[in-house]
C-alpha atoms as a PDB file:
ATOM      1  CA  MET A   1     241.953 267.574  47.105  1.00  0.00           C
ATOM      2  CA  GLN A   2     242.554 263.864  47.561  1.00  0.00           C
ATOM      3  CA  SER A   3     244.173 263.142  44.187  1.00  0.00           C
ATOM      4  CA  ILE A   4     247.481 264.178  42.657  1.00  0.00           C
ATOM      5  CA  THR A   5     249.140 263.252  39.387  1.00  0.00           C
ATOM      6  CA  LEU A   6     252.701 261.956  39.197  1.00  0.00           C
ATOM      7  CA  GLY A   7     253.797 261.644  35.595  1.00  0.00           C
ATOM      8  CA  ASP A   8     251.194 259.409  33.952  1.00  0.00           C
ATOM      9  CA  VAL A   9     249.904 258.021  37.259  1.00  0.00           C
ATOM     10  CA  GLU A  10     246.938 259.387  39.184  1.00  0.00           C
ATOM     11  CA  VAL A  11     247.217 258.852  42.950  1.00  0.00           C
ATOM     12  CA  THR A  12     244.080 259.085  45.102  1.00  0.00           C
ATOM     13  CA  ARG A  13     243.858 258.845  48.871  1.00  0.00           C
ATOM     14  CA  VAL A  14     240.933 256.891  50.356  1.00  0.00           C
ATOM     15  CA  LEU A  15     240.692 257.006  54.145  1.00  0.00           C
ATOM     16  CA  GLU A  16     239.192 254.291  56.294  1.00  0.00           C
ATOM     17  CA  PHE A  17     240.111 255.851  59.640  1.00  0.00           C
ATOM     18  CA  HIS A  18     241.943 258.896  60.960  1.00  0.00           C
ATOM     19  CA  GLY A  19     242.401 259.427  64.669  1.00  0.00           C
ATOM     20  CA  ARG A  20     243.852 257.945  67.833  1.00  0.00           C
ATOM     21  CA  ALA A  21     245.184 254.449  67.247  1.00  0.00           C
ATOM     22  CA  MET A  22     246.846 253.893  70.643  1.00  0.00           C
ATOM     23  CA  GLY A  23     249.187 255.593  73.084  1.00  0.00           C
ATOM     24  CA  MET A  24     252.517 256.900  71.852  1.00  0.00           C
ATOM     25  CA  ASP A  25     254.312 255.063  74.655  1.00  0.00           C
ATOM     26  CA  GLU A  26     252.696 251.802  73.540  1.00  0.00           C
ATOM     27  CA  PHE A  27     253.351 252.257  69.836  1.00  0.00           C
ATOM     28  CA  PHE A  28     256.818 253.785  70.156  1.00  0.00           C
ATOM     29  CA  PRO A  29     258.187 252.294  73.394  1.00  0.00           C
ATOM     30  CA  GLU A  30     261.809 253.001  72.455  1.00  0.00           C
ATOM     31  CA  ILE A  31     261.351 256.715  71.676  1.00  0.00           C
ATOM     32  CA  PRO A  32     261.706 258.974  74.750  1.00  0.00           C
ATOM     33  CA  ALA A  33     258.751 261.241  75.409  1.00  0.00           C
ATOM     34  CA  ASP A  34     260.923 264.346  75.220  1.00  0.00           C
ATOM     35  CA  VAL A  35     261.644 263.590  71.554  1.00  0.00           C
ATOM     36  CA  PHE A  36     257.973 264.132  70.739  1.00  0.00           C
ATOM     37  CA  GLU A  37     257.676 267.080  73.091  1.00  0.00           C
ATOM     38  CA  ALA A  38     260.523 268.833  71.277  1.00  0.00           C
ATOM     39  CA  GLU A  39     258.552 268.549  68.020  1.00  0.00           C
ATOM     40  CA  ARG A  40     255.146 269.448  69.505  1.00  0.00           C
ATOM     41  CA  SER A  41     254.664 272.558  67.347  1.00  0.00           C
ATOM     42  CA  TRP A  42     254.326 270.559  64.149  1.00  0.00           C
ATOM     43  CA  LEU A  43     253.475 267.009  65.284  1.00  0.00           C
ATOM     44  CA  ALA A  44     250.196 268.124  66.855  1.00  0.00           C
ATOM     45  CA  PRO A  45     247.459 267.630  65.856  1.00  0.00           C
ATOM     46  CA  ASP A  46     248.135 265.647  62.649  1.00  0.00           C
ATOM     47  CA  PHE A  47     250.464 263.039  64.154  1.00  0.00           C
ATOM     48  CA  TRP A  48     250.145 263.339  67.931  1.00  0.00           C
ATOM     49  CA  SER A  49     247.501 264.433  70.428  1.00  0.00           C
ATOM     50  CA  PRO A  50     249.492 265.685  73.464  1.00  0.00           C
ATOM     51  CA  ASP A  51     246.453 265.883  75.759  1.00  0.00           C
ATOM     52  CA  ASP A  52     246.127 262.082  75.869  1.00  0.00           C
ATOM     53  CA  ASN A  53     249.543 261.189  74.417  1.00  0.00           C
ATOM     54  CA  GLY A  54     247.728 259.574  71.508  1.00  0.00           C
ATOM     55  CA  PHE A  55     249.323 258.288  68.333  1.00  0.00           C
ATOM     56  CA  THR A  56     247.258 259.898  65.587  1.00  0.00           C
ATOM     57  CA  ALA A  57     247.267 257.697  62.508  1.00  0.00           C
ATOM     58  CA  ALA A  58     245.544 257.393  59.168  1.00  0.00           C
ATOM     59  CA  VAL A  59     244.470 254.002  57.876  1.00  0.00           C
ATOM     60  CA  GLN A  60     244.134 254.478  54.156  1.00  0.00           C
ATOM     61  CA  THR A  61     244.370 252.999  50.698  1.00  0.00           C
ATOM     62  CA  TRP A  62     246.341 254.613  47.908  1.00  0.00           C
ATOM     63  CA  VAL A  63     244.473 254.163  44.631  1.00  0.00           C
ATOM     64  CA  LEU A  64     246.767 254.292  41.599  1.00  0.00           C
ATOM     65  CA  ARG A  65     245.571 254.501  38.027  1.00  0.00           C
ATOM     66  CA  SER A  66     248.501 253.457  35.889  1.00  0.00           C
ATOM     67  CA  ALA A  67     248.821 252.040  32.371  1.00  0.00           C
ATOM     68  CA  GLY A  68     245.047 251.621  32.093  1.00  0.00           C
ATOM     69  CA  ARG A  69     244.659 249.674  35.337  1.00  0.00           C
ATOM     70  CA  THR A  70     243.273 250.393  38.807  1.00  0.00           C
ATOM     71  CA  ILE A  71     245.667 249.417  41.584  1.00  0.00           C
ATOM     72  CA  LEU A  72     245.073 249.537  45.333  1.00  0.00           C
ATOM     73  CA  VAL A  73     247.995 249.853  47.741  1.00  0.00           C
ATOM     74  CA  ASP A  74     246.992 248.306  51.106  1.00  0.00           C
ATOM     75  CA  THR A  75     243.417 247.683  52.162  1.00  0.00           C
ATOM     76  CA  GLY A  76     243.115 248.814  55.775  1.00  0.00           C
ATOM     77  CA  VAL A  77     241.412 247.034  58.649  1.00  0.00           C
ATOM     78  CA  GLY A  78     238.065 245.916  57.249  1.00  0.00           C
ATOM     79  CA  ASN A  79     234.606 245.672  58.775  1.00  0.00           C
ATOM     80  CA  HIS A  80     233.267 243.103  61.232  1.00  0.00           C
ATOM     81  CA  LYS A  81     236.647 241.481  61.905  1.00  0.00           C
ATOM     82  CA  GLU A  82     237.232 239.719  65.217  1.00  0.00           C
ATOM     83  CA  ARG A  83     240.452 241.077  66.710  1.00  0.00           C
ATOM     84  CA  PRO A  84     240.647 239.872  70.335  1.00  0.00           C
ATOM     85  CA  TYR A  85     244.048 241.425  71.034  1.00  0.00           C
ATOM     86  CA  SER A  86     243.641 244.563  68.901  1.00  0.00           C
ATOM     87  CA  PRO A  87     240.546 246.172  70.436  1.00  0.00           C
ATOM     88  CA  HIS A  88     240.951 249.415  68.471  1.00  0.00           C
ATOM     89  CA  TRP A  89     240.417 247.440  65.230  1.00  0.00           C
ATOM     90  CA  ARG A  90     237.703 245.077  66.472  1.00  0.00           C
ATOM     91  CA  HIS A  91     234.294 244.959  64.729  1.00  0.00           C
ATOM     92  CA  LEU A  92     234.660 248.175  62.773  1.00  0.00           C
ATOM     93  CA  ASP A  93     231.782 249.391  60.638  1.00  0.00           C
ATOM     94  CA  THR A  94     233.235 252.101  58.420  1.00  0.00           C
ATOM     95  CA  GLY A  95     232.178 253.598  55.113  1.00  0.00           C
ATOM     96  CA  TYR A  96     235.333 252.465  53.352  1.00  0.00           C
ATOM     97  CA  LEU A  97     233.531 251.066  50.302  1.00  0.00           C
ATOM     98  CA  ASP A  98     231.608 254.339  49.998  1.00  0.00           C
ATOM     99  CA  GLY A  99     234.961 256.117  50.046  1.00  0.00           C
ATOM    100  CA  LEU A 100     236.194 253.939  47.208  1.00  0.00           C
ATOM    101  CA  ALA A 101     232.989 254.628  45.275  1.00  0.00           C
ATOM    102  CA  ALA A 102     233.448 258.381  45.787  1.00  0.00           C
ATOM    103  CA  ALA A 103     236.913 257.959  44.266  1.00  0.00           C
ATOM    104  CA  GLY A 104     235.352 256.232  41.255  1.00  0.00           C
ATOM    105  CA  VAL A 105     236.463 252.734  42.256  1.00  0.00           C
ATOM    106  CA  ASP A 106     234.120 249.805  41.622  1.00  0.00           C
ATOM    107  CA  PRO A 107     235.387 246.698  43.484  1.00  0.00           C
ATOM    108  CA  ASP A 108     234.643 244.574  40.411  1.00  0.00           C
ATOM    109  CA  GLU A 109     236.917 246.768  38.300  1.00  0.00           C
ATOM    110  CA  VAL A 110     240.036 246.676  40.510  1.00  0.00           C
ATOM    111  CA  ASP A 111     242.895 245.009  38.636  1.00  0.00           C
ATOM    112  CA  ILE A 112     245.607 244.688  41.287  1.00  0.00           C
ATOM    113  CA  VAL A 113     245.678 244.778  45.077  1.00  0.00           C
ATOM    114  CA  ILE A 114     249.090 245.300  46.669  1.00  0.00           C
ATOM    115  CA  ASN A 115     249.580 244.375  50.314  1.00  0.00           C
ATOM    116  CA  THR A 116     252.900 245.951  51.246  1.00  0.00           C
ATOM    117  CA  HIS A 117     252.958 243.506  54.159  1.00  0.00           C
ATOM    118  CA  LEU A 118     250.417 241.317  55.922  1.00  0.00           C
ATOM    119  CA  HIS A 119     249.645 243.226  59.107  1.00  0.00           C
ATOM    120  CA  VAL A 120     246.116 243.648  60.441  1.00  0.00           C
ATOM    121  CA  ASP A 121     245.718 247.219  59.136  1.00  0.00           C
ATOM    122  CA  HIS A 122     246.946 246.494  55.606  1.00  0.00           C
ATOM    123  CA  VAL A 123     244.907 243.467  54.506  1.00  0.00           C
ATOM    124  CA  GLY A 124     241.488 243.878  56.125  1.00  0.00           C
ATOM    125  CA  TRP A 125     239.475 244.865  53.075  1.00  0.00           C
ATOM    126  CA  ASN A 126     240.968 242.041  51.052  1.00  0.00           C
ATOM    127  CA  THR A 127     237.754 240.330  52.134  1.00  0.00           C
ATOM    128  CA  ARG A 128     234.245 241.207  53.246  1.00  0.00           C
ATOM    129  CA  LEU A 129     231.668 239.247  55.203  1.00  0.00           C
ATOM    130  CA  VAL A 130     228.833 237.685  53.198  1.00  0.00           C
ATOM    131  CA  GLY A 131     226.581 235.637  55.438  1.00  0.00           C
ATOM    132  CA  ARG A 132     229.062 233.605  57.471  1.00  0.00           C
ATOM    133  CA  ASP A 133     231.836 233.595  54.869  1.00  0.00           C
ATOM    134  CA  TRP A 134     234.775 235.868  54.111  1.00  0.00           C
ATOM    135  CA  VAL A 135     234.835 236.462  50.364  1.00  0.00           C
ATOM    136  CA  PRO A 136     237.222 238.530  48.213  1.00  0.00           C
ATOM    137  CA  THR A 137     236.174 242.179  48.110  1.00  0.00           C
ATOM    138  CA  PHE A 138     237.854 242.613  44.721  1.00  0.00           C
ATOM    139  CA  PRO A 139     236.917 239.391  42.925  1.00  0.00           C
ATOM    140  CA  ARG A 140     238.649 240.116  39.608  1.00  0.00           C
ATOM    141  CA  ALA A 141     241.878 241.470  41.049  1.00  0.00           C
ATOM    142  CA  THR A 142     245.276 239.871  41.395  1.00  0.00           C
ATOM    143  CA  TYR A 143     246.415 240.198  45.008  1.00  0.00           C
ATOM    144  CA  LEU A 144     250.189 240.688  45.156  1.00  0.00           C
ATOM    145  CA  LEU A 145     251.450 239.313  48.477  1.00  0.00           C
ATOM    146  CA  PRO A 146     255.089 239.065  49.585  1.00  0.00           C
ATOM    147  CA  ARG A 147     255.898 235.357  49.776  1.00  0.00           C
ATOM    148  CA  LEU A 148     258.067 235.841  52.864  1.00  0.00           C
ATOM    149  CA  ASP A 149     255.171 237.399  54.756  1.00  0.00           C
ATOM    150  CA  PHE A 150     252.702 234.794  53.522  1.00  0.00           C
ATOM    151  CA  ASP A 151     254.885 232.058  54.982  1.00  0.00           C
ATOM    152  CA  TYR A 152     255.743 234.027  58.119  1.00  0.00           C
ATOM    153  CA  TRP A 153     252.169 234.844  59.151  1.00  0.00           C
ATOM    154  CA  ASN A 154     250.613 231.536  58.123  1.00  0.00           C
ATOM    155  CA  PRO A 155     249.552 230.003  61.456  1.00  0.00           C
ATOM    156  CA  LEU A 156     250.111 226.520  60.009  1.00  0.00           C
ATOM    157  CA  GLY A 157     253.776 227.349  59.390  1.00  0.00           C
ATOM    158  CA  GLU A 158     256.787 227.093  61.643  1.00  0.00           C
ATOM    159  CA  HIS A 159     257.292 230.811  62.355  1.00  0.00           C
ATOM    160  CA  ARG A 160     256.327 232.495  65.629  1.00  0.00           C
ATOM    161  CA  PRO A 161     256.010 236.241  64.981  1.00  0.00           C
ATOM    162  CA  LYS A 162     256.749 238.652  67.810  1.00  0.00           C
ATOM    163  CA  SER A 163     253.361 240.323  67.368  1.00  0.00           C
ATOM    164  CA  ALA A 164     251.370 237.152  66.687  1.00  0.00           C
ATOM    165  CA  ARG A 165     248.778 237.855  69.400  1.00  0.00           C
ATOM    166  CA  SER A 166     247.810 241.255  67.996  1.00  0.00           C
ATOM    167  CA  HIS A 167     247.364 239.634  64.575  1.00  0.00           C
ATOM    168  CA  GLN A 168     245.218 236.711  65.630  1.00  0.00           C
ATOM    169  CA  ASN A 169     242.664 235.714  62.941  1.00  0.00           C
ATOM    170  CA  VAL A 170     244.135 238.070  60.340  1.00  0.00           C
ATOM    171  CA  PHE A 171     245.596 235.403  58.073  1.00  0.00           C
ATOM    172  CA  GLU A 172     242.472 233.253  58.339  1.00  0.00           C
ATOM    173  CA  ASP A 173     239.908 235.947  57.498  1.00  0.00           C
ATOM    174  CA  SER A 174     241.845 238.347  55.265  1.00  0.00           C
ATOM    175  CA  VAL A 175     244.597 236.378  53.503  1.00  0.00           C
ATOM    176  CA  ALA A 176     243.622 232.725  53.224  1.00  0.00           C
ATOM    177  CA  PRO A 177     240.246 233.390  51.513  1.00  0.00           C
ATOM    178  CA  VAL A 178     241.799 235.272  48.586  1.00  0.00           C
ATOM    179  CA  HIS A 179     244.541 232.664  48.274  1.00  0.00           C
ATOM    180  CA  GLU A 180     241.994 229.833  48.286  1.00  0.00           C
ATOM    181  CA  ALA A 181     240.029 231.704  45.610  1.00  0.00           C
ATOM    182  CA  GLY A 182     243.096 231.540  43.349  1.00  0.00           C
ATOM    183  CA  LEU A 183     243.539 235.328  43.296  1.00  0.00           C
ATOM    184  CA  THR A 184     246.984 235.678  44.863  1.00  0.00           C
ATOM    185  CA  GLU A 185     250.437 235.980  43.394  1.00  0.00           C
ATOM    186  CA  LEU A 186     253.187 235.341  45.936  1.00  0.00           C
ATOM    187  CA  TRP A 187     256.126 237.382  44.726  1.00  0.00           C
ATOM    188  CA  GLU A 188     259.714 237.697  45.895  1.00  0.00           C
ATOM    189  CA  GLY A 189     262.840 239.494  44.777  1.00  0.00           C
ATOM    190  CA  GLU A 190     261.245 242.095  42.513  1.00  0.00           C
ATOM    191  CA  ARG A 191     257.866 242.412  40.847  1.00  0.00           C
ATOM    192  CA  VAL A 192     257.517 244.779  37.871  1.00  0.00           C
ATOM    193  CA  ILE A 193     253.892 245.856  37.554  1.00  0.00           C
ATOM    194  CA  ASP A 194     254.092 248.139  34.520  1.00  0.00           C
ATOM    195  CA  GLU A 195     256.319 250.800  33.001  1.00  0.00           C
ATOM    196  CA  ASN A 196     255.629 253.089  35.986  1.00  0.00           C
ATOM    197  CA  LEU A 197     255.542 250.773  38.983  1.00  0.00           C
ATOM    198  CA  ARG A 198     257.647 248.052  40.580  1.00  0.00           C
ATOM    199  CA  LEU A 199     257.747 246.341  43.963  1.00  0.00           C
ATOM    200  CA  LEU A 200     260.992 245.787  45.871  1.00  0.00           C
ATOM    201  CA  PRO A 201     261.664 244.236  49.286  1.00  0.00           C
ATOM    202  CA  ALA A 202     262.333 246.376  52.368  1.00  0.00           C
ATOM    203  CA  PRO A 203     262.508 243.890  55.269  1.00  0.00           C
ATOM    204  CA  GLY A 204     262.471 244.694  58.950  1.00  0.00           C
ATOM    205  CA  HIS A 205     258.979 245.747  59.971  1.00  0.00           C
ATOM    206  CA  THR A 206     258.050 242.276  58.754  1.00  0.00           C
ATOM    207  CA  PRO A 207     260.240 239.811  56.831  1.00  0.00           C
ATOM    208  CA  GLY A 208     258.370 240.480  53.586  1.00  0.00           C
ATOM    209  CA  SER A 209     257.731 244.212  53.937  1.00  0.00           C
ATOM    210  CA  SER A 210     257.913 245.854  50.538  1.00  0.00           C
ATOM    211  CA  VAL A 211     258.053 249.262  48.894  1.00  0.00           C
ATOM    212  CA  LEU A 212     256.267 250.312  45.727  1.00  0.00           C
ATOM    213  CA  HIS A 213     258.458 252.483  43.520  1.00  0.00           C
ATOM    214  CA  LEU A 214     256.774 254.899  41.112  1.00  0.00           C
ATOM    215  CA  SER A 215     258.771 256.444  38.283  1.00  0.00           C
ATOM    216  CA  SER A 216     256.894 258.265  35.549  1.00  0.00           C
ATOM    217  CA  GLY A 217     258.219 261.133  33.489  1.00  0.00           C
ATOM    218  CA  SER A 218     260.178 263.353  35.855  1.00  0.00           C
ATOM    219  CA  ASP A 219     258.181 262.293  38.935  1.00  0.00           C
ATOM    220  CA  ARG A 220     259.228 259.762  41.568  1.00  0.00           C
ATOM    221  CA  ALA A 221     257.523 258.354  44.651  1.00  0.00           C
ATOM    222  CA  VAL A 222     258.077 255.533  47.123  1.00  0.00           C
ATOM    223  CA  PHE A 223     255.078 254.002  48.882  1.00  0.00           C
ATOM    224  CA  ILE A 224     256.934 252.729  51.901  1.00  0.00           C
ATOM    225  CA  GLY A 225     254.221 251.012  53.931  1.00  0.00           C
ATOM    226  CA  ASP A 226     255.186 250.891  57.602  1.00  0.00           C
ATOM    227  CA  LEU A 227     258.834 251.900  57.369  1.00  0.00           C
ATOM    228  CA  LEU A 228     257.581 255.195  58.846  1.00  0.00           C
ATOM    229  CA  HIS A 229     254.722 255.825  61.265  1.00  0.00           C
ATOM    230  CA  THR A 230     255.656 259.281  62.551  1.00  0.00           C
ATOM    231  CA  PRO A 231     257.678 262.134  61.055  1.00  0.00           C
ATOM    232  CA  VAL A 232     260.032 261.765  64.028  1.00  0.00           C
ATOM    233  CA  GLN A 233     261.309 258.610  62.305  1.00  0.00           C
ATOM    234  CA  LEU A 234     261.742 260.606  59.126  1.00  0.00           C
ATOM    235  CA  ARG A 235     263.861 263.199  60.884  1.00  0.00           C
ATOM    236  CA  ASP A 236     265.945 260.477  62.591  1.00  0.00           C
ATOM    237  CA  PRO A 237     265.580 257.000  61.042  1.00  0.00           C
ATOM    238  CA  VAL A 238     267.184 255.286  64.034  1.00  0.00           C
ATOM    239  CA  HIS A 239     263.788 255.292  65.781  1.00  0.00           C
ATOM    240  CA  ASN A 240     261.674 252.152  65.533  1.00  0.00           C
ATOM    241  CA  CYS A 241     258.086 251.355  66.415  1.00  0.00           C
ATOM    242  CA  GLY A 242     257.150 248.555  68.780  1.00  0.00           C
ATOM    243  CA  PHE A 243     255.808 246.301  66.026  1.00  0.00           C
ATOM    244  CA  ASP A 244     259.013 245.876  64.027  1.00  0.00           C
ATOM    245  CA  GLU A 245     259.806 242.175  63.832  1.00  0.00           C
ATOM    246  CA  ASP A 246     263.504 242.833  63.140  1.00  0.00           C
ATOM    247  CA  PRO A 247     264.461 246.250  64.558  1.00  0.00           C
ATOM    248  CA  ALA A 248     267.958 246.376  63.042  1.00  0.00           C
ATOM    249  CA  ALA A 249     266.691 245.500  59.568  1.00  0.00           C
ATOM    250  CA  ALA A 250     263.862 248.042  59.914  1.00  0.00           C
ATOM    251  CA  ARG A 251     266.373 250.807  60.684  1.00  0.00           C
ATOM    252  CA  ALA A 252     268.525 249.817  57.719  1.00  0.00           C
ATOM    253  CA  SER A 253     265.582 249.709  55.297  1.00  0.00           C
ATOM    254  CA  ARG A 254     264.252 253.029  56.575  1.00  0.00           C
ATOM    255  CA  ARG A 255     267.566 254.825  56.124  1.00  0.00           C
ATOM    256  CA  ARG A 256     268.173 253.278  52.711  1.00  0.00           C
ATOM    257  CA  LEU A 257     264.771 254.370  51.396  1.00  0.00           C
ATOM    258  CA  LEU A 258     265.039 257.876  52.834  1.00  0.00           C
ATOM    259  CA  GLU A 259     268.464 258.277  51.245  1.00  0.00           C
ATOM    260  CA  PHE A 260     267.003 257.092  47.952  1.00  0.00           C
ATOM    261  CA  ALA A 261     264.102 259.543  48.228  1.00  0.00           C
ATOM    262  CA  ALA A 262     266.311 262.477  49.184  1.00  0.00           C
ATOM    263  CA  ASP A 263     268.853 261.856  46.438  1.00  0.00           C
ATOM    264  CA  GLY A 264     266.237 261.120  43.772  1.00  0.00           C
ATOM    265  CA  THR A 265     263.655 263.760  44.774  1.00  0.00           C
ATOM    266  CA  ALA A 266     261.049 261.063  45.343  1.00  0.00           C
ATOM    267  CA  LEU A 267     257.863 261.745  47.273  1.00  0.00           C
ATOM    268  CA  VAL A 268     257.782 259.618  50.457  1.00  0.00           C
ATOM    269  CA  VAL A 269     254.325 258.085  50.928  1.00  0.00           C
ATOM    270  CA  PRO A 270     253.941 256.210  54.239  1.00  0.00           C
ATOM    271  CA  ALA A 271     250.907 254.073  54.933  1.00  0.00           C
ATOM    272  CA  HIS A 272     249.717 255.890  58.052  1.00  0.00           C
ATOM    273  CA  PHE A 273     250.674 259.557  57.925  1.00  0.00           C
ATOM    274  CA  GLY A 274     247.831 261.905  58.716  1.00  0.00           C
ATOM    275  CA  GLY A 275     248.007 265.530  57.676  1.00  0.00           C
ATOM    276  CA  HIS A 276     249.018 265.910  54.057  1.00  0.00           C
ATOM    277  CA  GLY A 277     249.947 262.229  53.912  1.00  0.00           C
ATOM    278  CA  ALA A 278     253.283 262.379  52.096  1.00  0.00           C
ATOM    279  CA  ALA A 279     256.391 264.538  51.911  1.00  0.00           C
ATOM    280  CA  GLU A 280     259.469 265.450  49.922  1.00  0.00           C
ATOM    281  CA  VAL A 281     262.666 265.148  51.942  1.00  0.00           C
ATOM    282  CA  ARG A 282     266.320 266.115  51.819  1.00  0.00           C
ATOM    283  CA  ARG A 283     269.413 265.131  53.742  1.00  0.00           C
ATOM    284  CA  ALA A 284     270.352 267.096  56.873  1.00  0.00           C
ATOM    285  CA  GLY A 285     273.671 265.600  57.939  1.00  0.00           C
ATOM    286  CA  ASP A 286     272.944 262.015  58.960  1.00  0.00           C
ATOM    287  CA  ARG A 287     269.269 262.857  59.378  1.00  0.00           C
ATOM    288  CA  PHE A 288     266.561 264.156  57.069  1.00  0.00           C
ATOM    289  CA  GLU A 289     264.173 267.071  56.922  1.00  0.00           C
ATOM    290  CA  ILE A 290     260.922 267.817  55.157  1.00  0.00           C
ATOM    291  CA  VAL A 291     261.155 270.065  52.118  1.00  0.00           C
ATOM    292  CA  ASP A 292     257.448 270.210  51.387  1.00  0.00           C
ATOM    293  CA  TRP A 293     254.255 268.295  52.027  1.00  0.00           C
ATOM    294  CA  ALA A 294     252.148 266.705  49.293  1.00  0.00           C
ATOM    295  CA  ALA A 295     249.082 268.521  48.015  1.00  0.00           C
ATOM    296  CA  PHE A 296     246.544 266.201  49.665  1.00  0.00           C
ATOM    297  CA  ASP A 297     244.051 267.899  51.970  1.00  0.00           C
ATOM    298  CA  ARG A 298     244.461 267.365  55.704  1.00  0.00           C
ATOM    299  CA  PRO A 299     241.680 264.970  56.783  1.00  0.00           C
ATOM    300  CA  GLU A 300     239.284 265.428  59.651  1.00  0.00           C
ATOM    301  CA  ARG A 301     239.495 262.962  62.524  1.00  0.00           C
ATOM    302  CA  SER A 302     236.988 260.129  62.243  1.00  0.00           C
ATOM    303  CA  ASP A 303     237.194 258.863  65.840  1.00  0.00           C
ATOM    304  CA  ARG A 304     235.204 261.688  67.422  1.00  0.00           C
END
């Protein structure tokens, strides 16, 4: 099962990739290896491959059907993109669009695309290659982009991101074309989408990182983008990944959202969790623990 229903909202998981993204020591340079080893029994194989110390990640889109509209949360890496400093995402040729079709999504019928932030693995399918041009994949959609991230990652701007090299070309091929097509809305502060959904800022991973809050009937969920990459960060939110632009702010946002989820019984939906993809949590002192996993099926690896 790749769909669940939360109140009046249907949530469907569409995978682009599931497998080894890079080494754990590269992705989580501040987390000692013994932290992962202590959790081996449940981190492997969905989140960690001990044999090669690989960070096992899902790159996926959450498709939401809410208030009569089709909404995509993050759009993965994309095909045929030139990524000179991110070799694991270079020149992919995946069946992502087939996956959307299997979920009943026609690109021409998508109403809203949400990029929780503007990293390489969250904006790639904003565009597709037609001839020599990058054109919007979802030509009738409104693309909701955090204004802070738009300004921060714009290579013509004054900012110099810490991870600029690994995101070379991303703005030019996956953000600028939809903006030039007049399809973007640069939001800040808060963006109410409908009676079930609203976007709020959660800075740290990037300046404009955002969280989508779902509240419908008695159900709650928070689509938290890259505030979490591994359940180890869920258990102890002090842990950061190596791609957080502002580590202190990332820790603060992570703890705040986990406290919100635990106190409000909200499903936590990270962008890159493998396995069952999302979890309910509760407080455990100053840490957190998993109460139950979501009902999504555990995906097969696609990198074998």
